[in-house]
PDB file of N, CA and C in Angstrom:
ATOM      1  N   MET A   1      13.316   2.276  -8.518  1.00  0.00           N
ATOM      2  CA  MET A   1      13.393   0.841  -8.418  1.00  0.00           C
ATOM      3  C   MET A   1      11.970   0.274  -8.497  1.00  0.00           C
ATOM      4  N   LEU A   2      11.779  -0.737  -9.292  1.00  0.00           N
ATOM      5  CA  LEU A   2      10.471  -1.375  -9.420  1.00  0.00           C
ATOM      6  C   LEU A   2      10.246  -2.333  -8.258  1.00  0.00           C
ATOM      7  N   VAL A   3       9.127  -2.139  -7.562  1.00  0.00           N
ATOM      8  CA  VAL A   3       8.748  -3.028  -6.468  1.00  0.00           C
ATOM      9  C   VAL A   3       7.274  -3.377  -6.620  1.00  0.00           C
ATOM     10  N   LYS A   4       6.888  -4.517  -6.078  1.00  0.00           N
ATOM     11  CA  LYS A   4       5.482  -4.907  -6.105  1.00  0.00           C
ATOM     12  C   LYS A   4       4.815  -4.282  -4.888  1.00  0.00           C
ATOM     13  N   HIS A   5       3.820  -3.445  -5.175  1.00  0.00           N
ATOM     14  CA  HIS A   5       3.150  -2.716  -4.106  1.00  0.00           C
ATOM     15  C   HIS A   5       1.657  -2.694  -4.377  1.00  0.00           C
ATOM     16  N   LEU A   6       0.880  -3.178  -3.424  1.00  0.00           N
ATOM     17  CA  LEU A   6      -0.580  -3.245  -3.537  1.00  0.00           C
ATOM     18  C   LEU A   6      -1.021  -3.971  -4.800  1.00  0.00           C
ATOM     19  N   GLY A   7      -0.291  -5.007  -5.158  1.00  0.00           N
ATOM     20  CA  GLY A   7      -0.664  -5.843  -6.296  1.00  0.00           C
ATOM     21  C   GLY A   7      -0.163  -5.362  -7.641  1.00  0.00           C
ATOM     22  N   ASP A   8       0.524  -4.229  -7.699  1.00  0.00           N
ATOM     23  CA  ASP A   8       1.030  -3.696  -8.960  1.00  0.00           C
ATOM     24  C   ASP A   8       2.538  -3.487  -8.865  1.00  0.00           C
ATOM     25  N   MET A   9       3.181  -3.517 -10.006  1.00  0.00           N
ATOM     26  CA  MET A   9       4.596  -3.177 -10.074  1.00  0.00           C
ATOM     27  C   MET A   9       4.699  -1.659 -10.256  1.00  0.00           C
ATOM     28  N   VAL A  10       5.315  -0.983  -9.296  1.00  0.00           N
ATOM     29  CA  VAL A  10       5.425   0.467  -9.344  1.00  0.00           C
ATOM     30  C   VAL A  10       6.869   0.878  -9.114  1.00  0.00           C
ATOM     31  N   ASP A  11       7.195   2.062  -9.588  1.00  0.00           N
ATOM     32  CA  ASP A  11       8.533   2.607  -9.400  1.00  0.00           C
ATOM     33  C   ASP A  11       8.515   3.508  -8.177  1.00  0.00           C
ATOM     34  N   MET A  12       8.959   2.976  -7.031  1.00  0.00           N
ATOM     35  CA  MET A  12       9.005   3.764  -5.803  1.00  0.00           C
ATOM     36  C   MET A  12      10.071   3.208  -4.877  1.00  0.00           C
ATOM     37  N   ASP A  13      10.377   3.964  -3.854  1.00  0.00           N
ATOM     38  CA  ASP A  13      11.369   3.546  -2.866  1.00  0.00           C
ATOM     39  C   ASP A  13      10.833   2.341  -2.087  1.00  0.00           C
ATOM     40  N   PRO A  14      11.615   1.280  -1.954  1.00  0.00           N
ATOM     41  CA  PRO A  14      11.141   0.091  -1.233  1.00  0.00           C
ATOM     42  C   PRO A  14      10.760   0.377   0.222  1.00  0.00           C
ATOM     43  N   ARG A  15      11.443   1.327   0.865  1.00  0.00           N
ATOM     44  CA  ARG A  15      11.097   1.654   2.252  1.00  0.00           C
ATOM     45  C   ARG A  15       9.722   2.301   2.339  1.00  0.00           C
ATOM     46  N   ASP A  16       9.406   3.170   1.358  1.00  0.00           N
ATOM     47  CA  ASP A  16       8.083   3.792   1.341  1.00  0.00           C
ATOM     48  C   ASP A  16       7.001   2.743   1.110  1.00  0.00           C
ATOM     49  N   ALA A  17       7.252   1.819   0.198  1.00  0.00           N
ATOM     50  CA  ALA A  17       6.283   0.753  -0.077  1.00  0.00           C
ATOM     51  C   ALA A  17       6.083  -0.123   1.156  1.00  0.00           C
ATOM     52  N   ALA A  18       7.166  -0.456   1.842  1.00  0.00           N
ATOM     53  CA  ALA A  18       7.069  -1.282   3.040  1.00  0.00           C
ATOM     54  C   ALA A  18       6.305  -0.553   4.146  1.00  0.00           C
ATOM     55  N   MET A  19       6.542   0.746   4.287  1.00  0.00           N
ATOM     56  CA  MET A  19       5.845   1.523   5.322  1.00  0.00           C
ATOM     57  C   MET A  19       4.360   1.623   5.012  1.00  0.00           C
ATOM     58  N   GLN A  20       4.000   1.829   3.750  1.00  0.00           N
ATOM     59  CA  GLN A  20       2.592   1.882   3.365  1.00  0.00           C
ATOM     60  C   GLN A  20       1.911   0.545   3.641  1.00  0.00           C
ATOM     61  N   ASN A  21       2.582  -0.548   3.306  1.00  0.00           N
ATOM     62  CA  ASN A  21       2.018  -1.878   3.578  1.00  0.00           C
ATOM     63  C   ASN A  21       1.847  -2.106   5.076  1.00  0.00           C
ATOM     64  N   SER A  22       2.809  -1.636   5.862  1.00  0.00           N
ATOM     65  CA  SER A  22       2.743  -1.793   7.308  1.00  0.00           C
ATOM     66  C   SER A  22       1.581  -0.991   7.898  1.00  0.00           C
ATOM     67  N   ILE A  23       1.348   0.205   7.376  1.00  0.00           N
ATOM     68  CA  ILE A  23       0.229   1.028   7.838  1.00  0.00           C
ATOM     69  C   ILE A  23      -1.099   0.340   7.529  1.00  0.00           C
ATOM     70  N   LEU A  24      -1.245  -0.142   6.300  1.00  0.00           N
ATOM     71  CA  LEU A  24      -2.487  -0.827   5.921  1.00  0.00           C
ATOM     72  C   LEU A  24      -2.712  -2.082   6.748  1.00  0.00           C
ATOM     73  N   LYS A  25      -1.650  -2.817   6.998  1.00  0.00           N
ATOM     74  CA  LYS A  25      -1.748  -4.051   7.789  1.00  0.00           C
ATOM     75  C   LYS A  25      -2.196  -3.743   9.221  1.00  0.00           C
ATOM     76  N   ALA A  26      -1.639  -2.693   9.814  1.00  0.00           N
ATOM     77  CA  ALA A  26      -2.006  -2.323  11.186  1.00  0.00           C
ATOM     78  C   ALA A  26      -3.460  -1.874  11.256  1.00  0.00           C
ATOM     79  N   LEU A  27      -3.917  -1.121  10.260  1.00  0.00           N
ATOM     80  CA  LEU A  27      -5.310  -0.662  10.259  1.00  0.00           C
ATOM     81  C   LEU A  27      -6.285  -1.808  10.031  1.00  0.00           C
ATOM     82  N   LYS A  28      -5.917  -2.769   9.187  1.00  0.00           N
ATOM     83  CA  LYS A  28      -6.788  -3.927   8.961  1.00  0.00           C
ATOM     84  C   LYS A  28      -6.882  -4.786  10.214  1.00  0.00           C
ATOM     85  N   LYS A  29      -5.774  -4.906  10.931  1.00  0.00           N
ATOM     86  CA  LYS A  29      -5.734  -5.771  12.103  1.00  0.00           C
ATOM     87  C   LYS A  29      -6.434  -5.145  13.309  1.00  0.00           C
ATOM     88  N   ARG A  30      -6.209  -3.849  13.547  1.00  0.00           N
ATOM     89  CA  ARG A  30      -6.686  -3.219  14.771  1.00  0.00           C
ATOM     90  C   ARG A  30      -7.808  -2.209  14.582  1.00  0.00           C
ATOM     91  N   GLY A  31      -8.118  -1.845  13.335  1.00  0.00           N
ATOM     92  CA  GLY A  31      -9.185  -0.885  13.101  1.00  0.00           C
ATOM     93  C   GLY A  31      -8.700   0.554  13.245  1.00  0.00           C
ATOM     94  N   PRO A  32      -9.634   1.512  13.238  1.00  0.00           N
ATOM     95  CA  PRO A  32      -9.254   2.925  13.319  1.00  0.00           C
ATOM     96  C   PRO A  32      -8.488   3.236  14.596  1.00  0.00           C
ATOM     97  N   MET A  33      -7.509   4.123  14.499  1.00  0.00           N
ATOM     98  CA  MET A  33      -6.716   4.515  15.667  1.00  0.00           C
ATOM     99  C   MET A  33      -6.137   5.899  15.457  1.00  0.00           C
ATOM    100  N   LEU A  34      -5.640   6.485  16.515  1.00  0.00           N
ATOM    101  CA  LEU A  34      -4.992   7.782  16.413  1.00  0.00           C
ATOM    102  C   LEU A  34      -3.684   7.648  15.639  1.00  0.00           C
ATOM    103  N   GLN A  35      -3.297   8.731  14.999  1.00  0.00           N
ATOM    104  CA  GLN A  35      -2.091   8.700  14.169  1.00  0.00           C
ATOM    105  C   GLN A  35      -0.852   8.356  14.993  1.00  0.00           C
ATOM    106  N   LYS A  36      -0.766   8.866  16.225  1.00  0.00           N
ATOM    107  CA  LYS A  36       0.399   8.561  17.062  1.00  0.00           C
ATOM    108  C   LYS A  36       0.447   7.080  17.423  1.00  0.00           C
ATOM    109  N   ASP A  37      -0.727   6.454  17.641  1.00  0.00           N
ATOM    110  CA  ASP A  37      -0.768   5.023  17.933  1.00  0.00           C
ATOM    111  C   ASP A  37      -0.407   4.213  16.691  1.00  0.00           C
ATOM    112  N   LEU A  38      -0.856   4.683  15.540  1.00  0.00           N
ATOM    113  CA  LEU A  38      -0.539   4.013  14.282  1.00  0.00           C
ATOM    114  C   LEU A  38       0.962   4.043  14.018  1.00  0.00           C
ATOM    115  N   TYR A  39       1.610   5.137  14.400  1.00  0.00           N
ATOM    116  CA  TYR A  39       3.064   5.261  14.235  1.00  0.00           C
ATOM    117  C   TYR A  39       3.787   4.125  14.959  1.00  0.00           C
ATOM    118  N   TYR A  40       3.344   3.821  16.179  1.00  0.00           N
ATOM    119  CA  TYR A  40       3.986   2.757  16.947  1.00  0.00           C
ATOM    120  C   TYR A  40       3.536   1.371  16.492  1.00  0.00           C
ATOM    121  N   ARG A  41       2.266   1.207  16.143  1.00  0.00           N
ATOM    122  CA  ARG A  41       1.755  -0.096  15.707  1.00  0.00           C
ATOM    123  C   ARG A  41       2.339  -0.534  14.372  1.00  0.00           C
ATOM    124  N   SER A  42       2.690   0.442  13.526  1.00  0.00           N
ATOM    125  CA  SER A  42       3.238   0.101  12.208  1.00  0.00           C
ATOM    126  C   SER A  42       4.758   0.180  12.173  1.00  0.00           C
ATOM    127  N   ALA A  43       5.389   0.316  13.334  1.00  0.00           N
ATOM    128  CA  ALA A  43       6.849   0.404  13.438  1.00  0.00           C
ATOM    129  C   ALA A  43       7.387   1.565  12.602  1.00  0.00           C
ATOM    130  N   GLY A  44       6.757   2.722  12.733  1.00  0.00           N
ATOM    131  CA  GLY A  44       7.167   3.910  11.990  1.00  0.00           C
ATOM    132  C   GLY A  44       8.546   4.407  12.360  1.00  0.00           C
ATOM    133  N   GLN A  45       9.039   4.020  13.525  1.00  0.00           N
ATOM    134  CA  GLN A  45      10.365   4.466  13.943  1.00  0.00           C
ATOM    135  C   GLN A  45      11.473   3.893  13.052  1.00  0.00           C
ATOM    136  N   LYS A  46      11.157   2.873  12.266  1.00  0.00           N
ATOM    137  CA  LYS A  46      12.152   2.315  11.343  1.00  0.00           C
ATOM    138  C   LYS A  46      12.508   3.293  10.233  1.00  0.00           C
ATOM    139  N   VAL A  47      11.535   4.095   9.799  1.00  0.00           N
ATOM    140  CA  VAL A  47      11.779   5.068   8.732  1.00  0.00           C
ATOM    141  C   VAL A  47      11.728   6.499   9.247  1.00  0.00           C
ATOM    142  N   GLY A  48      11.347   6.697  10.504  1.00  0.00           N
ATOM    143  CA  GLY A  48      11.283   8.027  11.090  1.00  0.00           C
ATOM    144  C   GLY A  48       9.952   8.707  10.829  1.00  0.00           C
ATOM    145  N   ARG A  49       9.753   9.841  11.492  1.00  0.00           N
ATOM    146  CA  ARG A  49       8.504  10.591  11.347  1.00  0.00           C
ATOM    147  C   ARG A  49       8.275  11.049   9.918  1.00  0.00           C
ATOM    148  N   GLU A  50       9.336  11.525   9.279  1.00  0.00           N
ATOM    149  CA  GLU A  50       9.202  12.040   7.914  1.00  0.00           C
ATOM    150  C   GLU A  50       8.784  10.936   6.946  1.00  0.00           C
ATOM    151  N   GLY A  51       9.399   9.771   7.051  1.00  0.00           N
ATOM    152  CA  GLY A  51       9.046   8.647   6.185  1.00  0.00           C
ATOM    153  C   GLY A  51       7.642   8.142   6.454  1.00  0.00           C
ATOM    154  N   PHE A  52       7.264   8.099   7.738  1.00  0.00           N
ATOM    155  CA  PHE A  52       5.916   7.672   8.103  1.00  0.00           C
ATOM    156  C   PHE A  52       4.876   8.638   7.548  1.00  0.00           C
ATOM    157  N   ASN A  53       5.098   9.934   7.739  1.00  0.00           N
ATOM    158  CA  ASN A  53       4.147  10.937   7.247  1.00  0.00           C
ATOM    159  C   ASN A  53       4.057  10.921   5.726  1.00  0.00           C
ATOM    160  N   ARG A  54       5.190  10.700   5.049  1.00  0.00           N
ATOM    161  CA  ARG A  54       5.192  10.623   3.588  1.00  0.00           C
ATOM    162  C   ARG A  54       4.357   9.430   3.113  1.00  0.00           C
ATOM    163  N   ALA A  55       4.496   8.289   3.781  1.00  0.00           N
ATOM    164  CA  ALA A  55       3.733   7.096   3.416  1.00  0.00           C
ATOM    165  C   ALA A  55       2.241   7.292   3.703  1.00  0.00           C
ATOM    166  N   LEU A  56       1.926   7.909   4.838  1.00  0.00           N
ATOM    167  CA  LEU A  56       0.528   8.142   5.187  1.00  0.00           C
ATOM    168  C   LEU A  56      -0.115   9.142   4.230  1.00  0.00           C
ATOM    169  N   ASP A  57       0.619  10.185   3.860  1.00  0.00           N
ATOM    170  CA  ASP A  57       0.100  11.165   2.894  1.00  0.00           C
ATOM    171  C   ASP A  57      -0.180  10.513   1.545  1.00  0.00           C
ATOM    172  N   ALA A  58       0.712   9.613   1.122  1.00  0.00           N
ATOM    173  CA  ALA A  58       0.518   8.926  -0.160  1.00  0.00           C
ATOM    174  C   ALA A  58      -0.730   8.043  -0.121  1.00  0.00           C
ATOM    175  N   LEU A  59      -0.969   7.368   1.001  1.00  0.00           N
ATOM    176  CA  LEU A  59      -2.165   6.533   1.135  1.00  0.00           C
ATOM    177  C   LEU A  59      -3.433   7.383   1.167  1.00  0.00           C
ATOM    178  N   CYS A  60      -3.349   8.566   1.765  1.00  0.00           N
ATOM    179  CA  CYS A  60      -4.504   9.477   1.775  1.00  0.00           C
ATOM    180  C   CYS A  60      -4.794   9.997   0.371  1.00  0.00           C
ATOM    181  N   GLU A  61      -3.750  10.286  -0.405  1.00  0.00           N
ATOM    182  CA  GLU A  61      -3.934  10.749  -1.781  1.00  0.00           C
ATOM    183  C   GLU A  61      -4.567   9.671  -2.654  1.00  0.00           C
ATOM    184  N   LYS A  62      -4.204   8.408  -2.399  1.00  0.00           N
ATOM    185  CA  LYS A  62      -4.778   7.286  -3.152  1.00  0.00           C
ATOM    186  C   LYS A  62      -6.163   6.916  -2.629  1.00  0.00           C
ATOM    187  N   ARG A  63      -6.589   7.583  -1.568  1.00  0.00           N
ATOM    188  CA  ARG A  63      -7.885   7.353  -0.929  1.00  0.00           C
ATOM    189  C   ARG A  63      -8.048   5.934  -0.388  1.00  0.00           C
ATOM    190  N   LEU A  64      -6.944   5.379   0.102  1.00  0.00           N
ATOM    191  CA  LEU A  64      -6.999   4.068   0.748  1.00  0.00           C
ATOM    192  C   LEU A  64      -7.240   4.204   2.244  1.00  0.00           C
ATOM    193  N   VAL A  65      -6.832   5.346   2.812  1.00  0.00           N
ATOM    194  CA  VAL A  65      -7.085   5.629   4.218  1.00  0.00           C
ATOM    195  C   VAL A  65      -7.699   7.018   4.344  1.00  0.00           C
ATOM    196  N   ILE A  66      -8.372   7.231   5.461  1.00  0.00           N
ATOM    197  CA  ILE A  66      -9.007   8.513   5.744  1.00  0.00           C
ATOM    198  C   ILE A  66      -8.392   9.065   7.027  1.00  0.00           C
ATOM    199  N   ARG A  67      -8.017  10.346   6.993  1.00  0.00           N
ATOM    200  CA  ARG A  67      -7.469  11.013   8.175  1.00  0.00           C
ATOM    201  C   ARG A  67      -8.494  12.057   8.634  1.00  0.00           C
ATOM    202  N   GLU A  68      -9.015  11.868   9.843  1.00  0.00           N
ATOM    203  CA  GLU A  68     -10.024  12.771  10.399  1.00  0.00           C
ATOM    204  C   GLU A  68      -9.432  13.531  11.575  1.00  0.00           C
ATOM    205  N   THR A  69      -9.858  14.774  11.766  1.00  0.00           N
ATOM    206  CA  THR A  69      -9.373  15.563  12.892  1.00  0.00           C
ATOM    207  C   THR A  69     -10.113  15.166  14.164  1.00  0.00           C
ATOM    208  N   THR A  70      -9.473  15.409  15.293  1.00  0.00           N
ATOM    209  CA  THR A  70     -10.082  15.177  16.602  1.00  0.00           C
ATOM    210  C   THR A  70     -10.147  16.502  17.344  1.00  0.00           C
ATOM    211  N   ASN A  71     -10.536  16.463  18.608  1.00  0.00           N
ATOM    212  CA  ASN A  71     -10.646  17.686  19.408  1.00  0.00           C
ATOM    213  C   ASN A  71      -9.296  18.217  19.855  1.00  0.00           C
ATOM    214  N   HIS A  72      -8.247  17.417  19.767  1.00  0.00           N
ATOM    215  CA  HIS A  72      -6.927  17.823  20.231  1.00  0.00           C
ATOM    216  C   HIS A  72      -6.123  18.459  19.102  1.00  0.00           C
ATOM    217  N   VAL A  73      -5.193  19.304  19.465  1.00  0.00           N
ATOM    218  CA  VAL A  73      -4.346  19.984  18.490  1.00  0.00           C
ATOM    219  C   VAL A  73      -3.396  18.966  17.858  1.00  0.00           C
ATOM    220  N   ARG A  74      -3.265  19.017  16.543  1.00  0.00           N
ATOM    221  CA  ARG A  74      -2.374  18.141  15.764  1.00  0.00           C
ATOM    222  C   ARG A  74      -2.616  16.652  16.044  1.00  0.00           C
ATOM    223  N   SER A  75      -3.865  16.272  16.268  1.00  0.00           N
ATOM    224  CA  SER A  75      -4.216  14.879  16.510  1.00  0.00           C
ATOM    225  C   SER A  75      -5.195  14.433  15.427  1.00  0.00           C
ATOM    226  N   PHE A  76      -4.923  13.269  14.839  1.00  0.00           N
ATOM    227  CA  PHE A  76      -5.767  12.764  13.767  1.00  0.00           C
ATOM    228  C   PHE A  76      -6.154  11.325  14.034  1.00  0.00           C
ATOM    229  N   LYS A  77      -7.378  10.970  13.648  1.00  0.00           N
ATOM    230  CA  LYS A  77      -7.837   9.583  13.693  1.00  0.00           C
ATOM    231  C   LYS A  77      -7.717   9.036  12.275  1.00  0.00           C
ATOM    232  N   VAL A  78      -7.063   7.907  12.123  1.00  0.00           N
ATOM    233  CA  VAL A  78      -6.820   7.310  10.814  1.00  0.00           C
ATOM    234  C   VAL A  78      -7.613   6.015  10.717  1.00  0.00           C
ATOM    235  N   SER A  79      -8.292   5.824   9.584  1.00  0.00           N
ATOM    236  CA  SER A  79      -9.053   4.595   9.361  1.00  0.00           C
ATOM    237  C   SER A  79      -8.979   4.218   7.886  1.00  0.00           C
ATOM    238  N   LEU A  80      -9.309   2.977   7.594  1.00  0.00           N
ATOM    239  CA  LEU A  80      -9.355   2.528   6.209  1.00  0.00           C
ATOM    240  C   LEU A  80     -10.554   3.143   5.512  1.00  0.00           C
ATOM    241  N   ALA A  81     -10.384   3.490   4.259  1.00  0.00           N
ATOM    242  CA  ALA A  81     -11.496   4.024   3.473  1.00  0.00           C
ATOM    243  C   ALA A  81     -12.448   2.883   3.135  1.00  0.00           C
ATOM    244  N   PRO A  82     -13.748   3.167   3.079  1.00  0.00           N
ATOM    245  CA  PRO A  82     -14.690   2.107   2.709  1.00  0.00           C
ATOM    246  C   PRO A  82     -14.463   1.666   1.272  1.00  0.00           C
ATOM    247  N   LYS A  83     -14.602   0.364   1.040  1.00  0.00           N
ATOM    248  CA  LYS A  83     -14.403  -0.168  -0.308  1.00  0.00           C
ATOM    249  C   LYS A  83     -15.607   0.153  -1.167  1.00  0.00           C
ATOM    250  N   LYS A  84     -15.337   0.509  -2.418  1.00  0.00           N
ATOM    251  CA  LYS A  84     -16.397   0.784  -3.373  1.00  0.00           C
ATOM    252  C   LYS A  84     -16.637  -0.463  -4.204  1.00  0.00           C
ATOM    253  N   THR A  85     -17.878  -0.727  -4.519  1.00  0.00           N
ATOM    254  CA  THR A  85     -18.194  -1.837  -5.409  1.00  0.00           C
ATOM    255  C   THR A  85     -18.174  -1.295  -6.828  1.00  0.00           C
ATOM    256  N   VAL A  86     -17.253  -1.774  -7.626  1.00  0.00           N
ATOM    257  CA  VAL A  86     -17.047  -1.241  -8.973  1.00  0.00           C
ATOM    258  C   VAL A  86     -18.114  -1.744  -9.934  1.00  0.00           C
ATOM    259  N   ASN A  87     -18.355  -3.034  -9.954  1.00  0.00           N
ATOM    260  CA  ASN A  87     -19.284  -3.620 -10.920  1.00  0.00           C
ATOM    261  C   ASN A  87     -20.567  -4.089 -10.232  1.00  0.00           C
ATOM    262  N   ALA A  88     -21.193  -3.205  -9.478  1.00  0.00           N
ATOM    263  CA  ALA A  88     -22.418  -3.584  -8.788  1.00  0.00           C
ATOM    264  C   ALA A  88     -23.564  -3.630  -9.795  1.00  0.00           C
ATOM    265  N   GLN A  89     -24.172  -4.786  -9.937  1.00  0.00           N
ATOM    266  CA  GLN A  89     -25.293  -4.971 -10.849  1.00  0.00           C
ATOM    267  C   GLN A  89     -26.580  -5.014 -10.032  1.00  0.00           C
ATOM    268  N   PRO A  90     -27.618  -4.309 -10.470  1.00  0.00           N
ATOM    269  CA  PRO A  90     -28.894  -4.409  -9.743  1.00  0.00           C
ATOM    270  C   PRO A  90     -29.484  -5.808  -9.930  1.00  0.00           C
ATOM    271  N   ALA A  91     -30.160  -6.239  -8.915  1.00  0.00           N
ATOM    272  CA  ALA A  91     -30.759  -7.579  -8.962  1.00  0.00           C
ATOM    273  C   ALA A  91     -31.856  -7.620 -10.025  1.00  0.00           C
ATOM    274  N   ALA A  92     -31.919  -8.733 -10.737  1.00  0.00           N
ATOM    275  CA  ALA A  92     -32.942  -8.891 -11.794  1.00  0.00           C
ATOM    276  C   ALA A  92     -34.298  -9.067 -11.135  1.00  0.00           C
ATOM    277  N   GLU A  93     -35.279  -8.382 -11.685  1.00  0.00           N
ATOM    278  CA  GLU A  93     -36.627  -8.493 -11.137  1.00  0.00           C
ATOM    279  C   GLU A  93     -37.272  -9.783 -11.589  1.00  0.00           C
ATOM    280  N   SER A  94     -37.913 -10.450 -10.672  1.00  0.00           N
ATOM    281  CA  SER A  94     -38.629 -11.688 -11.042  1.00  0.00           C
ATOM    282  C   SER A  94     -40.075 -11.339 -11.362  1.00  0.00           C
ATOM    283  N   VAL A  95     -40.615 -12.005 -12.379  1.00  0.00           N
ATOM    284  CA  VAL A  95     -41.971 -11.703 -12.851  1.00  0.00           C
ATOM    285  C   VAL A  95     -42.948 -12.680 -12.298  1.00  0.00           C
TER     286      VAL A  95
END
């Protein structure tokens, strides 16, 4: 099914697209957080653990979010990836 996701029309499950948008929205609003906290902040229980993990894995593959390990077993800190400047032009030198 074609859905609008991250500004593009893509062929994906609408629930996955909604979960990815919810994850990005929670990270933009609250900043980096543990994966378990992100699950609750993004209402991951609507799609379940499997759907949440699938959406988070897809965002990590697209390099929109970063998942870092912590000192605890099976605990991850999730944050937004830094934005890259695509068309950065060096400043013109004045003579």
